[in-house]
Protein backbone atom coordinates (compact mmCIF):
# COMPACT_ATOMS: atom_id res chain seq x y z
CA MET A 1 82.24 21.43 -17.91
CA SER A 2 80.34 18.67 -19.73
CA ASP A 3 78.26 19.30 -22.82
CA ASN A 4 74.61 19.88 -22.02
CA LEU A 5 72.24 17.41 -23.60
CA LEU A 6 69.11 18.61 -25.37
CA MET A 7 66.51 19.39 -22.72
CA VAL A 8 62.74 19.64 -23.07
CA THR A 9 60.84 22.81 -22.21
CA ILE A 10 57.95 22.66 -19.76
CA PRO A 11 55.77 25.76 -20.15
CA LYS A 12 54.43 27.80 -17.27
CA GLY A 13 50.73 27.65 -16.51
CA PRO A 14 48.16 25.61 -14.60
CA PHE A 15 48.20 21.85 -14.12
CA VAL A 16 46.64 19.30 -11.81
CA PHE A 17 48.96 18.24 -8.98
CA GLY A 18 49.05 15.57 -6.30
CA GLU A 19 47.26 12.41 -5.19
CA SER A 20 44.21 14.48 -4.27
CA PRO A 21 43.93 16.48 -7.51
CA THR A 22 44.69 20.14 -6.87
CA ASN A 23 44.87 22.92 -9.44
CA VAL A 24 48.30 24.52 -9.30
CA ASP A 25 49.67 27.37 -11.40
CA LEU A 26 53.37 26.98 -12.17
CA ASN A 27 54.51 30.56 -12.75
CA HIS A 28 57.66 29.91 -14.79
CA ASP A 29 58.89 28.02 -17.82
CA PHE A 30 61.73 25.59 -17.19
CA GLU A 31 63.73 22.90 -18.92
CA ILE A 32 64.29 19.34 -17.76
CA ASP A 33 66.43 16.45 -18.95
CA PRO A 34 64.34 13.94 -20.91
CA PHE A 35 66.52 11.13 -19.55
CA LEU A 36 67.78 10.16 -16.13
CA THR A 37 71.44 10.97 -15.51
CA THR A 38 73.47 7.99 -16.71
CA ASN A 39 76.66 6.44 -15.42
CA LYS A 40 78.35 7.69 -18.58
CA ARG A 41 77.41 11.31 -17.86
CA PHE A 42 78.22 11.07 -14.17
CA GLY A 43 81.58 9.53 -15.02
CA LYS A 44 82.56 12.78 -16.73
CA PHE A 45 81.92 14.62 -13.48
CA ILE A 46 84.23 12.22 -11.66
CA GLU A 47 86.92 12.42 -14.35
CA SER A 48 86.85 16.22 -14.32
CA GLY A 49 87.64 16.30 -10.60
CA GLY A 50 84.12 16.98 -9.41
CA TYR A 51 84.71 15.22 -6.11
CA SER A 52 87.73 17.39 -5.35
CA ASN A 53 86.31 20.81 -6.29
CA PRO A 54 84.23 22.51 -3.59
CA THR A 55 82.88 25.00 -6.15
CA PHE A 56 80.12 22.57 -7.11
CA TRP A 57 79.13 21.49 -3.61
CA SER A 58 76.94 23.05 -0.96
CA LYS A 59 78.57 23.69 2.39
CA GLU A 60 76.76 20.70 3.91
CA GLY A 61 77.53 18.55 0.89
CA TRP A 62 81.23 19.32 1.02
CA GLN A 63 81.31 18.55 4.73
CA TRP A 64 79.66 15.18 4.02
CA LYS A 65 82.10 14.44 1.19
CA GLU A 66 85.15 15.32 3.28
CA LYS A 67 83.96 13.28 6.26
CA SER A 68 82.94 10.26 4.18
CA GLY A 69 85.97 10.35 1.87
CA ALA A 70 83.69 9.67 -1.10
CA THR A 71 85.31 9.85 -4.55
CA GLN A 72 82.53 8.18 -6.54
CA PRO A 73 78.98 6.87 -6.06
CA ASP A 74 78.21 3.78 -4.08
CA PHE A 75 77.90 0.65 -6.30
CA TRP A 76 80.12 2.40 -8.91
CA GLU A 77 82.27 -0.72 -9.31
CA ASP A 78 79.34 -3.17 -9.26
CA SER A 79 78.73 -4.60 -12.75
CA ARG A 80 75.01 -5.01 -12.06
CA TRP A 81 74.57 -1.23 -11.84
CA ASN A 82 77.49 0.45 -13.59
CA THR A 83 77.13 0.04 -17.36
CA PRO A 84 77.22 3.37 -19.26
CA GLU A 85 73.56 3.73 -20.27
CA LEU A 86 72.06 2.71 -16.92
CA PRO A 87 70.98 5.50 -14.59
CA VAL A 88 73.57 6.38 -12.00
CA VAL A 89 72.57 5.08 -8.55
CA GLY A 90 74.18 5.18 -5.13
CA VAL A 91 74.27 8.97 -5.23
CA ASN A 92 72.90 11.00 -2.37
CA TRP A 93 71.22 14.39 -2.61
CA TYR A 94 74.51 16.24 -2.13
CA GLU A 95 76.15 14.36 -5.01
CA ALA A 96 73.16 14.90 -7.30
CA GLN A 97 73.14 18.61 -6.45
CA ALA A 98 76.89 18.93 -7.12
CA PHE A 99 76.61 17.20 -10.49
CA ALA A 100 73.69 19.42 -11.49
CA LYS A 101 75.67 22.55 -10.64
CA TRP A 102 78.65 21.23 -12.59
CA GLU A 103 76.39 20.94 -15.64
CA GLY A 104 75.05 24.45 -15.11
CA LYS A 105 71.71 23.06 -13.98
CA ARG A 106 69.86 22.23 -10.76
CA LEU A 107 67.52 19.60 -9.35
CA PRO A 108 63.81 20.06 -10.16
CA ASN A 109 61.37 20.75 -7.36
CA GLU A 110 58.55 18.24 -7.01
CA ARG A 111 55.92 20.40 -8.71
CA GLU A 112 58.18 20.84 -11.72
CA TRP A 113 58.91 17.12 -11.75
CA GLU A 114 55.22 16.20 -11.63
CA LYS A 115 54.20 18.57 -14.40
CA ALA A 116 56.97 17.15 -16.58
CA ALA A 117 55.73 13.64 -15.77
CA ARG A 118 51.99 13.98 -16.33
CA GLY A 119 51.32 17.15 -18.30
CA THR A 120 48.50 19.54 -17.42
CA ASP A 121 45.70 17.03 -16.83
CA TRP A 122 45.38 14.65 -13.93
CA GLN A 123 46.48 11.19 -15.05
CA ALA A 124 47.84 8.36 -12.97
CA TYR A 125 50.84 7.53 -15.18
CA PRO A 126 52.93 9.43 -17.74
CA TRP A 127 51.07 7.64 -20.54
CA GLY A 128 47.50 7.77 -19.16
CA ASN A 129 45.27 6.36 -16.44
CA GLU A 130 45.63 2.62 -16.98
CA PHE A 131 48.69 0.75 -15.73
CA GLU A 132 50.57 -1.14 -18.45
CA GLU A 133 53.35 -3.43 -17.31
CA ASP A 134 55.40 -3.10 -20.50
CA LYS A 135 55.69 0.67 -20.14
CA CYS A 136 57.89 0.96 -17.07
CA ASN A 137 60.49 -0.85 -14.99
CA SER A 138 58.53 -1.41 -11.79
CA SER A 139 58.27 -4.48 -9.56
CA GLU A 140 55.57 -5.84 -11.89
CA SER A 141 58.23 -6.27 -14.60
CA GLY A 142 60.20 -8.72 -12.46
CA ILE A 143 63.49 -7.23 -13.70
CA GLU A 144 64.69 -6.18 -10.23
CA GLN A 145 67.53 -4.06 -11.55
CA THR A 146 67.89 -0.86 -13.51
CA THR A 147 67.40 -0.65 -17.26
CA PRO A 148 68.90 1.68 -19.92
CA VAL A 149 67.38 5.14 -19.68
CA SER A 150 66.03 5.08 -23.26
CA LYS A 151 64.47 1.60 -23.05
CA TYR A 152 60.83 2.61 -22.51
CA SER A 153 60.23 4.76 -25.58
CA ASN A 154 56.56 3.68 -25.56
CA SER A 155 55.79 5.54 -22.35
CA GLN A 156 57.19 9.04 -22.63
CA SER A 157 55.42 11.76 -20.71
CA PRO A 158 53.35 14.36 -22.60
CA TYR A 159 56.53 16.47 -22.82
CA GLY A 160 58.77 13.63 -24.00
CA CYS A 161 60.43 12.57 -20.74
CA TYR A 162 61.47 8.94 -20.24
CA ASP A 163 61.37 6.84 -17.06
CA MET A 164 59.13 9.16 -15.07
CA MET A 165 57.63 6.00 -13.62
CA GLY A 166 59.89 3.22 -12.38
CA ASN A 167 63.56 2.37 -12.89
CA VAL A 168 64.90 4.62 -10.09
CA TRP A 169 63.50 7.06 -7.60
CA GLU A 170 64.53 10.64 -8.41
CA TRP A 171 65.87 13.26 -6.04
CA THR A 172 64.11 16.63 -6.09
CA SER A 173 65.03 19.90 -4.44
CA SER A 174 61.87 19.93 -2.30
CA PHE A 175 61.72 19.24 1.42
CA PHE A 176 59.34 16.43 2.40
CA GLU A 177 58.16 18.25 5.53
CA GLU A 178 58.70 21.88 6.47
CA GLY A 179 61.42 22.26 9.08
CA GLU A 180 62.91 18.81 8.43
CA SER A 181 65.94 17.83 6.35
CA ALA A 182 64.55 14.93 4.27
CA ARG A 183 64.12 15.59 0.55
CA VAL A 184 61.33 14.38 -1.71
CA LEU A 185 61.86 11.40 -3.99
CA ARG A 186 59.59 10.91 -6.99
CA GLY A 187 58.85 8.28 -9.62
CA GLY A 188 59.23 4.91 -7.93
CA SER A 189 61.80 2.28 -8.88
CA THR A 190 62.33 -1.22 -10.20
CA PHE A 191 61.52 -2.50 -6.67
CA ILE A 192 58.28 -0.52 -6.26
CA SER A 193 54.81 -1.45 -7.51
CA ALA A 194 53.79 1.19 -10.05
CA ILE A 195 50.18 0.00 -9.93
CA ASP A 196 50.10 1.13 -6.29
CA LEU A 197 52.20 4.25 -6.73
CA GLY A 198 51.43 6.33 -9.82
CA VAL A 199 52.95 9.65 -10.85
CA ALA A 200 51.75 11.43 -7.71
CA GLY A 201 53.49 8.98 -5.36
CA ARG A 202 56.09 10.41 -3.00
CA SER A 203 58.83 9.10 -0.80
CA ALA A 204 61.64 10.80 1.09
CA SER A 205 65.20 10.32 2.21
CA GLU A 206 67.77 12.18 4.25
CA PRO A 207 70.23 13.99 1.96
CA GLN A 208 73.28 11.95 3.02
CA ILE A 209 71.72 8.55 2.27
CA ARG A 210 72.83 6.57 -0.80
CA MET A 211 70.57 3.85 -2.20
CA VAL A 212 70.75 1.37 -5.03
CA ASP A 213 67.43 2.47 -6.54
CA VAL A 214 67.77 6.27 -6.32
CA GLY A 215 69.11 8.53 -9.05
CA PHE A 216 68.11 11.88 -10.55
CA ARG A 217 67.62 14.10 -13.58
CA CYS A 218 68.45 17.78 -13.88
CA ALA A 219 66.43 20.89 -14.61
CA ARG A 220 67.23 24.47 -15.58
């Protein structure tokens, strides 16, 4: 089991949620990682035998892993994406879920994610209502690849979370539509325009899909 990094506490209580502002009461405290999961952290999961231990995988996730023969994320050997302090990418929902369980954590649901990103008041971005290009790795930056998870220290959320806007999309535990299998992605990525998206923006992907601009952070 890897060492848990210091997490930040998000208190229970009301906050404003969604693109059409809605008052929501989150009825529990929780903790969330201030940083996206890095290649360095995910590498410990691989080294510990995480891809060969069904204990950490859901039934569906293990079936996917066995069928696919996966032993590491996609793009793991690609130097553009694999340096230690970059967020891990090329992981699907099953892999993110398995890693989270290995760390004694879980994936956040989208309401938890959004409260961690914007605080209790409705604001378009983690830092406020005005878009500022130097505060996130979105398409406006022109970087077109991931950046170290601690790079944007000038744009932490009200609770101290980094990269809640841009860099990589983040898997959540929430279903995008009731009765369907796709899971919610939050936060946008280096290829997405943050000025069009904002904290409330949502996307979705099927749980078996691996993408170069999707990663995750854990909650507890």
